[in-house]
């Protein structure tokens, strides 16, 4: 994997420091998270959101790595390969694909 794929998607390890950004969530999502915290499925709203962000960052890093591999080979995955991957990953449309 090249540094291009690594550089923008890899940052400090979890727990290496934190900042307190302001994030706006739809009321329904925030209420669902609060209910999960209330029943012990997450320790806090912050922890739940941080875990979700970490999962998304890892997925995007993996997709960037895959894109880089295809670029080094000189071709892109076929539509059939992309459809299979979307099915396996449970993602729809272009949302799950790495940005070009």
C-alpha atoms as a PDB file:
ATOM      1  CA  UNK A   1       0.000   0.000   0.000  1.00  0.00           C
ATOM      2  CA  UNK A   2       1.321   3.441  -0.834  1.00  0.00           C
ATOM      3  CA  UNK A   3       1.610   6.389   1.488  1.00  0.00           C
ATOM      4  CA  UNK A   4      -1.111   8.127  -0.518  1.00  0.00           C
ATOM      5  CA  UNK A   5      -3.675   5.637   0.743  1.00  0.00           C
ATOM      6  CA  UNK A   6      -2.207   5.658   4.241  1.00  0.00           C
ATOM      7  CA  UNK A   7      -1.591   9.322   4.834  1.00  0.00           C
ATOM      8  CA  UNK A   8      -5.081  10.749   4.777  1.00  0.00           C
ATOM      9  CA  UNK A   9      -6.827   7.884   6.518  1.00  0.00           C
ATOM     10  CA  UNK A  10      -4.405   6.957   9.287  1.00  0.00           C
ATOM     11  CA  UNK A  11      -4.169   9.175  12.314  1.00  0.00           C
ATOM     12  CA  UNK A  12      -3.306   8.858  15.961  1.00  0.00           C
ATOM     13  CA  UNK A  13      -4.179   5.569  17.610  1.00  0.00           C
ATOM     14  CA  UNK A  14      -7.366   5.431  19.660  1.00  0.00           C
ATOM     15  CA  UNK A  15      -6.875   6.914  23.080  1.00  0.00           C
ATOM     16  CA  UNK A  16      -3.764   8.848  22.020  1.00  0.00           C
ATOM     17  CA  UNK A  17      -5.530  12.123  22.686  1.00  0.00           C
ATOM     18  CA  UNK A  18      -8.847  13.624  21.932  1.00  0.00           C
ATOM     19  CA  UNK A  19     -10.643  16.819  21.154  1.00  0.00           C
ATOM     20  CA  UNK A  20     -14.236  17.664  21.748  1.00  0.00           C
ATOM     21  CA  UNK A  21     -15.862  18.547  18.428  1.00  0.00           C
ATOM     22  CA  UNK A  22     -19.469  19.513  18.054  1.00  0.00           C
ATOM     23  CA  UNK A  23     -21.375  16.985  15.962  1.00  0.00           C
ATOM     24  CA  UNK A  24     -25.006  17.372  14.961  1.00  0.00           C
ATOM     25  CA  UNK A  25     -27.088  14.203  14.766  1.00  0.00           C
ATOM     26  CA  UNK A  26     -30.719  13.815  13.804  1.00  0.00           C
ATOM     27  CA  UNK A  27     -32.905  13.716  16.924  1.00  0.00           C
ATOM     28  CA  UNK A  28     -34.014  10.158  16.224  1.00  0.00           C
ATOM     29  CA  UNK A  29     -30.443   8.852  16.021  1.00  0.00           C
ATOM     30  CA  UNK A  30     -29.392  10.618  19.193  1.00  0.00           C
ATOM     31  CA  UNK A  31     -32.406   9.247  21.043  1.00  0.00           C
ATOM     32  CA  UNK A  32     -31.594   5.707  19.871  1.00  0.00           C
ATOM     33  CA  UNK A  33     -27.998   6.077  21.058  1.00  0.00           C
ATOM     34  CA  UNK A  34     -29.160   7.412  24.427  1.00  0.00           C
ATOM     35  CA  UNK A  35     -31.466   4.403  24.810  1.00  0.00           C
ATOM     36  CA  UNK A  36     -28.578   2.050  24.058  1.00  0.00           C
ATOM     37  CA  UNK A  37     -26.478   3.811  26.699  1.00  0.00           C
ATOM     38  CA  UNK A  38     -29.361   3.599  29.186  1.00  0.00           C
ATOM     39  CA  UNK A  39     -29.604  -0.185  28.791  1.00  0.00           C
ATOM     40  CA  UNK A  40     -25.838  -0.658  28.948  1.00  0.00           C
ATOM     41  CA  UNK A  41     -25.099  -1.382  25.278  1.00  0.00           C
ATOM     42  CA  UNK A  42     -22.625   1.528  25.228  1.00  0.00           C
ATOM     43  CA  UNK A  43     -20.867   3.311  28.047  1.00  0.00           C
ATOM     44  CA  UNK A  44     -21.673   6.788  26.733  1.00  0.00           C
ATOM     45  CA  UNK A  45     -22.883   8.682  23.681  1.00  0.00           C
ATOM     46  CA  UNK A  46     -19.266   9.722  23.057  1.00  0.00           C
ATOM     47  CA  UNK A  47     -18.058   6.105  23.166  1.00  0.00           C
ATOM     48  CA  UNK A  48     -20.805   4.966  20.798  1.00  0.00           C
ATOM     49  CA  UNK A  49     -20.076   7.704  18.258  1.00  0.00           C
ATOM     50  CA  UNK A  50     -16.294   7.185  18.530  1.00  0.00           C
ATOM     51  CA  UNK A  51     -16.728   3.447  17.868  1.00  0.00           C
ATOM     52  CA  UNK A  52     -18.943   4.148  14.839  1.00  0.00           C
ATOM     53  CA  UNK A  53     -16.441   6.644  13.451  1.00  0.00           C
ATOM     54  CA  UNK A  54     -13.542   4.222  14.013  1.00  0.00           C
ATOM     55  CA  UNK A  55     -15.425   1.508  12.113  1.00  0.00           C
ATOM     56  CA  UNK A  56     -16.143   3.842   9.201  1.00  0.00           C
ATOM     57  CA  UNK A  57     -12.538   5.066   9.079  1.00  0.00           C
ATOM     58  CA  UNK A  58     -11.272   1.490   8.952  1.00  0.00           C
ATOM     59  CA  UNK A  59     -13.687   0.673   6.134  1.00  0.00           C
ATOM     60  CA  UNK A  60     -12.631   3.766   4.191  1.00  0.00           C
ATOM     61  CA  UNK A  61      -8.938   2.941   4.775  1.00  0.00           C
ATOM     62  CA  UNK A  62      -9.504  -0.573   3.472  1.00  0.00           C
ATOM     63  CA  UNK A  63     -11.357   0.718   0.424  1.00  0.00           C
ATOM     64  CA  UNK A  64      -8.574   3.222  -0.300  1.00  0.00           C
ATOM     65  CA  UNK A  65      -6.020   0.414  -0.068  1.00  0.00           C
ATOM     66  CA  UNK A  66      -8.053  -1.701  -2.473  1.00  0.00           C
ATOM     67  CA  UNK A  67      -8.391   1.232  -4.886  1.00  0.00           C
ATOM     68  CA  UNK A  68      -4.632   1.755  -4.721  1.00  0.00           C
ATOM     69  CA  UNK A  69      -4.016  -1.901  -5.534  1.00  0.00           C
ATOM     70  CA  UNK A  70      -6.252  -1.683  -8.600  1.00  0.00           C
ATOM     71  CA  UNK A  71      -4.543   1.527  -9.723  1.00  0.00           C
ATOM     72  CA  UNK A  72      -1.123  -0.139  -9.467  1.00  0.00           C
ATOM     73  CA  UNK A  73      -2.422  -3.035 -11.586  1.00  0.00           C
ATOM     74  CA  UNK A  74      -3.646  -0.518 -14.173  1.00  0.00           C
ATOM     75  CA  UNK A  75      -7.297  -1.445 -14.184  1.00  0.00           C
ATOM     76  CA  UNK A  76     -10.434  -1.043 -12.131  1.00  0.00           C
ATOM     77  CA  UNK A  77     -12.653  -3.789 -10.764  1.00  0.00           C
ATOM     78  CA  UNK A  78     -15.411  -4.905 -13.102  1.00  0.00           C
ATOM     79  CA  UNK A  79     -19.046  -4.043 -12.468  1.00  0.00           C
ATOM     80  CA  UNK A  80     -19.543  -7.704 -11.534  1.00  0.00           C
ATOM     81  CA  UNK A  81     -16.794  -7.510  -8.898  1.00  0.00           C
ATOM     82  CA  UNK A  82     -18.258  -4.308  -7.455  1.00  0.00           C
ATOM     83  CA  UNK A  83     -21.759  -5.810  -7.302  1.00  0.00           C
ATOM     84  CA  UNK A  84     -20.404  -8.879  -5.496  1.00  0.00           C
ATOM     85  CA  UNK A  85     -18.475  -6.741  -3.019  1.00  0.00           C
ATOM     86  CA  UNK A  86     -21.526  -4.557  -2.303  1.00  0.00           C
ATOM     87  CA  UNK A  87     -23.607  -7.645  -1.629  1.00  0.00           C
ATOM     88  CA  UNK A  88     -21.000  -9.200   0.662  1.00  0.00           C
ATOM     89  CA  UNK A  89     -20.392  -5.933   2.534  1.00  0.00           C
ATOM     90  CA  UNK A  90     -24.048  -4.984   2.678  1.00  0.00           C
ATOM     91  CA  UNK A  91     -23.532  -1.559   1.113  1.00  0.00           C
ATOM     92  CA  UNK A  92     -25.544   0.064  -1.610  1.00  0.00           C
ATOM     93  CA  UNK A  93     -24.537   2.174  -4.587  1.00  0.00           C
ATOM     94  CA  UNK A  94     -21.394   4.242  -4.570  1.00  0.00           C
ATOM     95  CA  UNK A  95     -21.472   5.099  -0.846  1.00  0.00           C
ATOM     96  CA  UNK A  96     -19.263   2.133   0.015  1.00  0.00           C
ATOM     97  CA  UNK A  97     -16.685   2.832  -2.687  1.00  0.00           C
ATOM     98  CA  UNK A  98     -13.503   4.739  -2.024  1.00  0.00           C
ATOM     99  CA  UNK A  99     -13.352   8.227  -3.455  1.00  0.00           C
ATOM    100  CA  UNK A 100     -11.284   8.552  -6.603  1.00  0.00           C
END
